[in-house]
Amino acid sequence: MTTFPVAAVRVEMATESAAVRVEMAKEFAAVRTELTVGLAETRADLLKWSFLFWIGQFAAVSAMMAFLLRTIGPR
């Protein structure tokens, strides 16, 4: 009958677990940074296109109002 060195296995598993934990923390930080940058870029693009849409809508409504005021005219 052989004796199994349980303490050595526990130490090895704890060491490996700590290494995996550190590696995962680094990877999660990198993913979080990439996600933050991507969201910031998306937010900037969305804001830009929103302003373009609002300016276009204002121009269209202004043109329609000018057309209607000229067509109806003062009576």
N, C-alpha and C. Protein backbone atom coordinates (compact mmCIF):
# COMPACT_ATOMS: atom_id res chain seq x y z
N MET A 1 0.84 -1.17 0.00
CA MET A 1 0.00 0.00 0.00
C MET A 1 0.89 1.24 0.00
N THR A 2 0.59 2.18 -0.93
CA THR A 2 1.40 3.38 -1.02
C THR A 2 0.66 4.54 -0.38
N THR A 3 1.42 5.43 0.18
CA THR A 3 0.80 6.62 0.77
C THR A 3 0.82 7.73 -0.26
N PHE A 4 -0.29 8.39 -0.38
CA PHE A 4 -0.43 9.47 -1.36
C PHE A 4 -0.15 10.79 -0.66
N PRO A 5 0.76 11.58 -1.18
CA PRO A 5 1.11 12.85 -0.51
C PRO A 5 0.01 13.91 -0.74
N VAL A 6 -1.00 13.85 0.09
CA VAL A 6 -2.14 14.75 -0.06
C VAL A 6 -1.73 16.20 0.12
N ALA A 7 -0.86 16.46 1.05
CA ALA A 7 -0.43 17.84 1.31
C ALA A 7 0.27 18.43 0.10
N ALA A 8 1.08 17.64 -0.58
CA ALA A 8 1.79 18.14 -1.76
C ALA A 8 0.80 18.45 -2.88
N VAL A 9 -0.19 17.61 -3.03
CA VAL A 9 -1.20 17.84 -4.07
C VAL A 9 -2.01 19.09 -3.75
N ARG A 10 -2.33 19.28 -2.47
CA ARG A 10 -3.09 20.47 -2.08
C ARG A 10 -2.29 21.75 -2.36
N VAL A 11 -1.01 21.72 -2.06
CA VAL A 11 -0.16 22.89 -2.32
C VAL A 11 -0.07 23.15 -3.82
N GLU A 12 0.11 22.09 -4.60
CA GLU A 12 0.19 22.25 -6.05
C GLU A 12 -1.12 22.81 -6.62
N MET A 13 -2.24 22.29 -6.13
CA MET A 13 -3.53 22.78 -6.62
C MET A 13 -3.76 24.24 -6.22
N ALA A 14 -3.35 24.61 -5.02
CA ALA A 14 -3.50 25.99 -4.58
C ALA A 14 -2.64 26.92 -5.43
N THR A 15 -1.43 26.48 -5.75
CA THR A 15 -0.54 27.28 -6.59
C THR A 15 -1.13 27.46 -7.98
N GLU A 16 -1.60 26.38 -8.56
CA GLU A 16 -2.21 26.45 -9.90
C GLU A 16 -3.46 27.32 -9.88
N SER A 17 -4.26 27.17 -8.85
CA SER A 17 -5.49 27.96 -8.74
C SER A 17 -5.16 29.45 -8.64
N ALA A 18 -4.15 29.79 -7.87
CA ALA A 18 -3.75 31.19 -7.75
C ALA A 18 -3.24 31.73 -9.08
N ALA A 19 -2.50 30.92 -9.81
CA ALA A 19 -1.98 31.36 -11.11
C ALA A 19 -3.11 31.58 -12.10
N VAL A 20 -4.08 30.68 -12.09
CA VAL A 20 -5.23 30.84 -12.99
C VAL A 20 -6.03 32.08 -12.60
N ARG A 21 -6.19 32.31 -11.31
CA ARG A 21 -6.93 33.47 -10.84
C ARG A 21 -6.26 34.78 -11.29
N VAL A 22 -4.94 34.84 -11.19
CA VAL A 22 -4.20 36.04 -11.62
C VAL A 22 -4.33 36.23 -13.13
N GLU A 23 -4.19 35.14 -13.88
CA GLU A 23 -4.29 35.22 -15.34
C GLU A 23 -5.69 35.67 -15.76
N MET A 24 -6.71 35.14 -15.11
CA MET A 24 -8.08 35.54 -15.45
C MET A 24 -8.34 37.00 -15.10
N ALA A 25 -7.79 37.46 -13.99
CA ALA A 25 -7.96 38.87 -13.62
C ALA A 25 -7.34 39.78 -14.67
N LYS A 26 -6.17 39.41 -15.18
CA LYS A 26 -5.52 40.21 -16.23
C LYS A 26 -6.35 40.22 -17.50
N GLU A 27 -6.85 39.06 -17.89
CA GLU A 27 -7.66 38.97 -19.11
C GLU A 27 -8.97 39.73 -18.97
N PHE A 28 -9.61 39.63 -17.81
CA PHE A 28 -10.85 40.38 -17.59
C PHE A 28 -10.60 41.88 -17.66
N ALA A 29 -9.48 42.33 -17.13
CA ALA A 29 -9.14 43.76 -17.19
C ALA A 29 -8.94 44.19 -18.64
N ALA A 30 -8.28 43.34 -19.43
CA ALA A 30 -8.06 43.68 -20.84
C ALA A 30 -9.38 43.72 -21.60
N VAL A 31 -10.25 42.77 -21.34
CA VAL A 31 -11.56 42.76 -22.01
C VAL A 31 -12.38 43.97 -21.60
N ARG A 32 -12.33 44.31 -20.32
CA ARG A 32 -13.08 45.48 -19.84
C ARG A 32 -12.58 46.76 -20.52
N THR A 33 -11.27 46.87 -20.69
CA THR A 33 -10.70 48.04 -21.36
C THR A 33 -11.14 48.11 -22.81
N GLU A 34 -11.08 46.97 -23.52
CA GLU A 34 -11.52 46.94 -24.92
C GLU A 34 -13.00 47.30 -25.03
N LEU A 35 -13.80 46.79 -24.13
CA LEU A 35 -15.24 47.06 -24.16
C LEU A 35 -15.52 48.53 -23.89
N THR A 36 -14.81 49.11 -22.95
CA THR A 36 -15.00 50.52 -22.64
C THR A 36 -14.64 51.40 -23.83
N VAL A 37 -13.54 51.10 -24.48
CA VAL A 37 -13.12 51.87 -25.66
C VAL A 37 -14.14 51.71 -26.78
N GLY A 38 -14.59 50.49 -27.01
CA GLY A 38 -15.58 50.25 -28.06
C GLY A 38 -16.89 50.98 -27.80
N LEU A 39 -17.34 50.98 -26.55
CA LEU A 39 -18.57 51.69 -26.22
C LEU A 39 -18.41 53.19 -26.38
N ALA A 40 -17.26 53.72 -26.03
CA ALA A 40 -17.03 55.16 -26.19
C ALA A 40 -17.06 55.55 -27.66
N GLU A 41 -16.43 54.73 -28.51
CA GLU A 41 -16.45 55.02 -29.95
C GLU A 41 -17.87 54.93 -30.50
N THR A 42 -18.61 53.93 -30.07
CA THR A 42 -19.99 53.77 -30.54
C THR A 42 -20.85 54.94 -30.09
N ARG A 43 -20.66 55.38 -28.85
CA ARG A 43 -21.43 56.51 -28.34
C ARG A 43 -21.14 57.78 -29.16
N ALA A 44 -19.88 57.99 -29.50
CA ALA A 44 -19.52 59.17 -30.29
C ALA A 44 -20.15 59.11 -31.68
N ASP A 45 -20.11 57.94 -32.31
CA ASP A 45 -20.73 57.79 -33.63
C ASP A 45 -22.24 58.00 -33.56
N LEU A 46 -22.87 57.46 -32.54
CA LEU A 46 -24.32 57.61 -32.39
C LEU A 46 -24.69 59.07 -32.18
N LEU A 47 -23.93 59.78 -31.38
CA LEU A 47 -24.20 61.19 -31.16
C LEU A 47 -24.02 62.00 -32.44
N LYS A 48 -22.98 61.68 -33.21
CA LYS A 48 -22.75 62.38 -34.48
C LYS A 48 -23.92 62.18 -35.42
N TRP A 49 -24.36 60.93 -35.60
CA TRP A 49 -25.46 60.66 -36.51
C TRP A 49 -26.78 61.24 -36.00
N SER A 50 -26.95 61.30 -34.69
CA SER A 50 -28.16 61.91 -34.14
C SER A 50 -28.21 63.40 -34.49
N PHE A 51 -27.09 64.09 -34.33
CA PHE A 51 -27.06 65.50 -34.69
C PHE A 51 -27.33 65.71 -36.17
N LEU A 52 -26.77 64.86 -37.02
CA LEU A 52 -27.03 64.98 -38.45
C LEU A 52 -28.52 64.77 -38.75
N PHE A 53 -29.14 63.80 -38.08
CA PHE A 53 -30.56 63.55 -38.27
C PHE A 53 -31.38 64.76 -37.82
N TRP A 54 -31.06 65.32 -36.65
CA TRP A 54 -31.81 66.47 -36.16
C TRP A 54 -31.66 67.68 -37.07
N ILE A 55 -30.47 67.92 -37.58
CA ILE A 55 -30.26 69.03 -38.51
C ILE A 55 -31.06 68.81 -39.79
N GLY A 56 -31.06 67.59 -40.29
CA GLY A 56 -31.85 67.28 -41.49
C GLY A 56 -33.33 67.45 -41.25
N GLN A 57 -33.81 67.02 -40.11
CA GLN A 57 -35.23 67.19 -39.80
C GLN A 57 -35.59 68.67 -39.67
N PHE A 58 -34.73 69.44 -39.04
CA PHE A 58 -35.00 70.87 -38.90
C PHE A 58 -35.04 71.54 -40.27
N ALA A 59 -34.13 71.17 -41.16
CA ALA A 59 -34.12 71.75 -42.51
C ALA A 59 -35.37 71.36 -43.27
N ALA A 60 -35.80 70.10 -43.15
CA ALA A 60 -36.99 69.65 -43.87
C ALA A 60 -38.24 70.36 -43.35
N VAL A 61 -38.39 70.46 -42.06
CA VAL A 61 -39.56 71.13 -41.49
C VAL A 61 -39.54 72.62 -41.83
N SER A 62 -38.37 73.23 -41.79
CA SER A 62 -38.27 74.65 -42.15
C SER A 62 -38.65 74.87 -43.61
N ALA A 63 -38.21 73.98 -44.50
CA ALA A 63 -38.56 74.11 -45.92
C ALA A 63 -40.05 73.94 -46.13
N MET A 64 -40.66 72.98 -45.44
CA MET A 64 -42.11 72.79 -45.57
C MET A 64 -42.88 73.99 -45.05
N MET A 65 -42.45 74.54 -43.93
CA MET A 65 -43.13 75.72 -43.37
C MET A 65 -42.97 76.92 -44.31
N ALA A 66 -41.79 77.11 -44.87
CA ALA A 66 -41.59 78.22 -45.80
C ALA A 66 -42.47 78.04 -47.03
N PHE A 67 -42.56 76.82 -47.55
CA PHE A 67 -43.42 76.55 -48.71
C PHE A 67 -44.88 76.83 -48.38
N LEU A 68 -45.33 76.36 -47.24
CA LEU A 68 -46.73 76.59 -46.85
C LEU A 68 -47.02 78.07 -46.64
N LEU A 69 -46.11 78.79 -46.02
CA LEU A 69 -46.35 80.21 -45.78
C LEU A 69 -46.35 81.00 -47.10
N ARG A 70 -45.52 80.59 -48.07
CA ARG A 70 -45.54 81.26 -49.37
C ARG A 70 -46.79 80.90 -50.15
N THR A 71 -47.22 79.66 -50.06
CA THR A 71 -48.39 79.22 -50.81
C THR A 71 -49.66 79.86 -50.26
N ILE A 72 -49.82 79.82 -48.96
CA ILE A 72 -51.02 80.41 -48.36
C ILE A 72 -50.94 81.93 -48.44
N GLY A 73 -49.83 82.48 -48.07
CA GLY A 73 -49.60 83.91 -48.17
C GLY A 73 -50.55 84.71 -47.30
N PRO A 74 -50.31 85.99 -47.19
CA PRO A 74 -51.21 86.85 -46.39
C PRO A 74 -52.52 87.07 -47.14
N ARG A 75 -53.62 87.01 -46.46
CA ARG A 75 -54.93 87.20 -47.10
C ARG A 75 -55.64 88.36 -46.53
